[in-house]
Amino acid sequence: MQKSLVNITLAVVTEEVEIILESYPKYPYQEAFSLSGLRQDLIAYVLSRVPNRYTAIDVSGEYVSAQAVQFRCSSEQLLEIEDLIHTGIRDVLHSHDAIDYRVWEQVKPCSTVATWFR
């Protein structure tokens, strides 16, 4: 019987990242984290700050479903993960300078600076 170690915290964090990113605006957050590198950085950010749980599963040539390695977090653990995801979104974006936080105003090509303040 061949067994393999599986980080079951990874599945929880990955699922929560997906859910939380859906609640953020498409630009700049969803677009920035659609790049797999930044998304992986966010997941690594969270995983490095929470206790990870592992399980050994039988991998005797058969496909192992995600439900076979399902893990239940306490509500306290889940809140900690969610908080870390929100913090990680900010920290990862700032460390990578991936987005421009300024909101650009549309300026008409024929306008002058003097007309902007009328």
C-alpha atoms as a PDB file:
ATOM      1  CA  MET A   1       0.000   0.000   0.000  1.00  0.00           C
ATOM      2  CA  GLN A   2       1.557   3.265  -1.155  1.00  0.00           C
ATOM      3  CA  LYS A   3       0.736   6.442   0.765  1.00  0.00           C
ATOM      4  CA  SER A   4       1.284  10.085   0.050  1.00  0.00           C
ATOM      5  CA  LEU A   5       1.289  13.131   2.322  1.00  0.00           C
ATOM      6  CA  VAL A   6      -1.286  15.780   1.541  1.00  0.00           C
ATOM      7  CA  ASN A   7      -1.378  19.308   2.996  1.00  0.00           C
ATOM      8  CA  ILE A   8      -5.084  19.609   3.756  1.00  0.00           C
ATOM      9  CA  THR A   9      -4.727  23.225   4.895  1.00  0.00           C
ATOM     10  CA  LEU A  10      -3.727  24.099   1.329  1.00  0.00           C
ATOM     11  CA  ALA A  11      -7.140  23.041   0.026  1.00  0.00           C
ATOM     12  CA  VAL A  12      -8.949  25.172   2.614  1.00  0.00           C
ATOM     13  CA  VAL A  13      -6.779  28.239   1.956  1.00  0.00           C
ATOM     14  CA  THR A  14      -7.079  27.896  -1.830  1.00  0.00           C
ATOM     15  CA  GLU A  15     -10.875  27.651  -1.624  1.00  0.00           C
ATOM     16  CA  GLU A  16     -11.113  30.650   0.717  1.00  0.00           C
ATOM     17  CA  VAL A  17      -8.842  32.726  -1.546  1.00  0.00           C
ATOM     18  CA  GLU A  18     -11.198  32.024  -4.462  1.00  0.00           C
ATOM     19  CA  ILE A  19     -14.275  33.012  -2.439  1.00  0.00           C
ATOM     20  CA  ILE A  20     -12.745  36.177  -0.989  1.00  0.00           C
ATOM     21  CA  LEU A  21     -11.252  37.396  -4.271  1.00  0.00           C
ATOM     22  CA  GLU A  22     -14.707  37.139  -5.860  1.00  0.00           C
ATOM     23  CA  SER A  23     -15.914  39.748  -3.354  1.00  0.00           C
ATOM     24  CA  TYR A  24     -13.225  42.240  -4.430  1.00  0.00           C
ATOM     25  CA  PRO A  25     -13.589  44.538  -7.459  1.00  0.00           C
ATOM     26  CA  LYS A  26     -12.431  43.102 -10.775  1.00  0.00           C
ATOM     27  CA  TYR A  27      -9.911  45.914 -11.137  1.00  0.00           C
ATOM     28  CA  PRO A  28      -7.410  45.996  -9.661  1.00  0.00           C
ATOM     29  CA  TYR A  29      -7.701  43.001  -7.329  1.00  0.00           C
ATOM     30  CA  GLN A  30      -9.176  40.166  -9.393  1.00  0.00           C
ATOM     31  CA  GLU A  31      -7.089  41.137 -12.404  1.00  0.00           C
ATOM     32  CA  ALA A  32      -3.876  41.333 -10.366  1.00  0.00           C
ATOM     33  CA  PHE A  33      -4.488  37.967  -8.726  1.00  0.00           C
ATOM     34  CA  SER A  34      -5.598  36.291 -11.946  1.00  0.00           C
ATOM     35  CA  LEU A  35      -1.885  36.004 -12.627  1.00  0.00           C
ATOM     36  CA  SER A  36      -1.066  32.631 -11.170  1.00  0.00           C
ATOM     37  CA  GLY A  37       2.200  33.895  -9.683  1.00  0.00           C
ATOM     38  CA  LEU A  38       0.529  36.492  -7.482  1.00  0.00           C
ATOM     39  CA  ARG A  39      -2.224  34.085  -6.514  1.00  0.00           C
ATOM     40  CA  GLN A  40       0.409  31.532  -5.510  1.00  0.00           C
ATOM     41  CA  ASP A  41       2.240  34.236  -3.529  1.00  0.00           C
ATOM     42  CA  LEU A  42      -1.003  35.020  -1.684  1.00  0.00           C
ATOM     43  CA  ILE A  43      -1.614  31.356  -0.885  1.00  0.00           C
ATOM     44  CA  ALA A  44       1.993  30.986   0.322  1.00  0.00           C
ATOM     45  CA  TYR A  45       1.590  34.153   2.425  1.00  0.00           C
ATOM     46  CA  VAL A  46      -1.384  32.645   4.250  1.00  0.00           C
ATOM     47  CA  LEU A  47       0.040  29.119   4.561  1.00  0.00           C
ATOM     48  CA  SER A  48       3.230  30.456   6.128  1.00  0.00           C
ATOM     49  CA  ARG A  49       1.192  32.123   8.876  1.00  0.00           C
ATOM     50  CA  VAL A  50      -1.178  29.326   9.918  1.00  0.00           C
ATOM     51  CA  PRO A  51      -0.563  25.867  11.342  1.00  0.00           C
ATOM     52  CA  ASN A  52      -0.671  23.398   8.469  1.00  0.00           C
ATOM     53  CA  ARG A  53      -2.319  19.993   8.819  1.00  0.00           C
ATOM     54  CA  TYR A  54      -1.302  16.949   6.856  1.00  0.00           C
ATOM     55  CA  THR A  55      -2.770  13.535   6.277  1.00  0.00           C
ATOM     56  CA  ALA A  56      -1.424  10.369   4.711  1.00  0.00           C
ATOM     57  CA  ILE A  57      -3.678   8.967   2.001  1.00  0.00           C
ATOM     58  CA  ASP A  58      -3.614   5.715   0.095  1.00  0.00           C
ATOM     59  CA  VAL A  59      -2.599   6.356  -3.506  1.00  0.00           C
ATOM     60  CA  SER A  60      -2.567   2.804  -4.804  1.00  0.00           C
ATOM     61  CA  GLY A  61      -3.039   3.865  -8.407  1.00  0.00           C
ATOM     62  CA  GLU A  62      -6.583   5.169  -7.917  1.00  0.00           C
ATOM     63  CA  TYR A  63      -7.816   8.726  -8.228  1.00  0.00           C
ATOM     64  CA  VAL A  64      -8.271  10.316  -4.812  1.00  0.00           C
ATOM     65  CA  SER A  65     -11.217  12.679  -4.607  1.00  0.00           C
ATOM     66  CA  ALA A  66     -11.003  15.989  -2.781  1.00  0.00           C
ATOM     67  CA  GLN A  67     -13.705  14.776  -0.406  1.00  0.00           C
ATOM     68  CA  ALA A  68     -11.455  11.938   0.729  1.00  0.00           C
ATOM     69  CA  VAL A  69      -9.071  14.474   2.255  1.00  0.00           C
ATOM     70  CA  GLN A  70     -11.669  16.950   3.441  1.00  0.00           C
ATOM     71  CA  PHE A  71     -10.730  18.986   6.473  1.00  0.00           C
ATOM     72  CA  ARG A  72     -12.981  20.920   8.798  1.00  0.00           C
ATOM     73  CA  CYS A  73     -11.647  24.109  10.363  1.00  0.00           C
ATOM     74  CA  SER A  74     -13.028  25.575  13.523  1.00  0.00           C
ATOM     75  CA  SER A  75     -14.788  28.888  13.008  1.00  0.00           C
ATOM     76  CA  GLU A  76     -11.878  30.566  14.811  1.00  0.00           C
ATOM     77  CA  GLN A  77      -9.354  29.008  12.406  1.00  0.00           C
ATOM     78  CA  LEU A  78     -11.469  29.954   9.406  1.00  0.00           C
ATOM     79  CA  LEU A  79     -11.743  33.575  10.589  1.00  0.00           C
ATOM     80  CA  GLU A  80      -7.973  33.681  11.050  1.00  0.00           C
ATOM     81  CA  ILE A  81      -7.458  32.360   7.514  1.00  0.00           C
ATOM     82  CA  GLU A  82      -9.941  34.874   6.090  1.00  0.00           C
ATOM     83  CA  ASP A  83      -8.260  37.737   7.950  1.00  0.00           C
ATOM     84  CA  LEU A  84      -4.854  36.640   6.687  1.00  0.00           C
ATOM     85  CA  ILE A  85      -6.169  36.509   3.114  1.00  0.00           C
ATOM     86  CA  HIS A  86      -7.425  40.097   3.334  1.00  0.00           C
ATOM     87  CA  THR A  87      -4.120  41.226   4.857  1.00  0.00           C
ATOM     88  CA  GLY A  88      -2.191  39.178   2.323  1.00  0.00           C
ATOM     89  CA  ILE A  89      -4.027  40.737  -0.611  1.00  0.00           C
ATOM     90  CA  ARG A  90      -2.821  44.159   0.512  1.00  0.00           C
ATOM     91  CA  ASP A  91       0.712  43.047   1.424  1.00  0.00           C
ATOM     92  CA  VAL A  92       1.334  40.968  -1.706  1.00  0.00           C
ATOM     93  CA  LEU A  93       0.115  43.760  -3.977  1.00  0.00           C
ATOM     94  CA  HIS A  94       2.246  46.354  -2.219  1.00  0.00           C
ATOM     95  CA  SER A  95       5.339  44.173  -2.275  1.00  0.00           C
ATOM     96  CA  HIS A  96       4.978  43.498  -6.001  1.00  0.00           C
ATOM     97  CA  ASP A  97       3.849  46.985  -7.050  1.00  0.00           C
ATOM     98  CA  ALA A  98       1.442  45.171  -9.344  1.00  0.00           C
ATOM     99  CA  ILE A  99      -1.207  47.849  -9.458  1.00  0.00           C
ATOM    100  CA  ASP A 100      -1.592  51.586  -9.661  1.00  0.00           C
ATOM    101  CA  TYR A 101      -3.879  52.697  -6.848  1.00  0.00           C
ATOM    102  CA  ARG A 102      -4.610  56.088  -8.360  1.00  0.00           C
ATOM    103  CA  VAL A 103      -7.958  56.575 -10.026  1.00  0.00           C
ATOM    104  CA  TRP A 104      -7.376  58.299 -13.306  1.00  0.00           C
ATOM    105  CA  GLU A 105      -9.880  60.918 -14.322  1.00  0.00           C
ATOM    106  CA  GLN A 106     -10.876  61.130 -17.959  1.00  0.00           C
ATOM    107  CA  VAL A 107      -9.508  64.359 -19.407  1.00  0.00           C
ATOM    108  CA  LYS A 108     -10.766  65.689 -22.701  1.00  0.00           C
ATOM    109  CA  PRO A 109      -7.945  66.162 -25.203  1.00  0.00           C
ATOM    110  CA  CYS A 110      -8.824  69.811 -25.827  1.00  0.00           C
ATOM    111  CA  SER A 111      -9.145  70.827 -22.166  1.00  0.00           C
ATOM    112  CA  THR A 112      -6.583  72.926 -20.360  1.00  0.00           C
ATOM    113  CA  VAL A 113      -5.582  72.917 -16.737  1.00  0.00           C
ATOM    114  CA  ALA A 114      -7.493  76.181 -16.149  1.00  0.00           C
ATOM    115  CA  THR A 115     -10.778  74.524 -17.210  1.00  0.00           C
ATOM    116  CA  TRP A 116     -10.436  71.610 -14.800  1.00  0.00           C
ATOM    117  CA  PHE A 117     -11.357  73.738 -11.766  1.00  0.00           C
ATOM    118  CA  ARG A 118     -14.473  75.452 -13.040  1.00  0.00           C
END
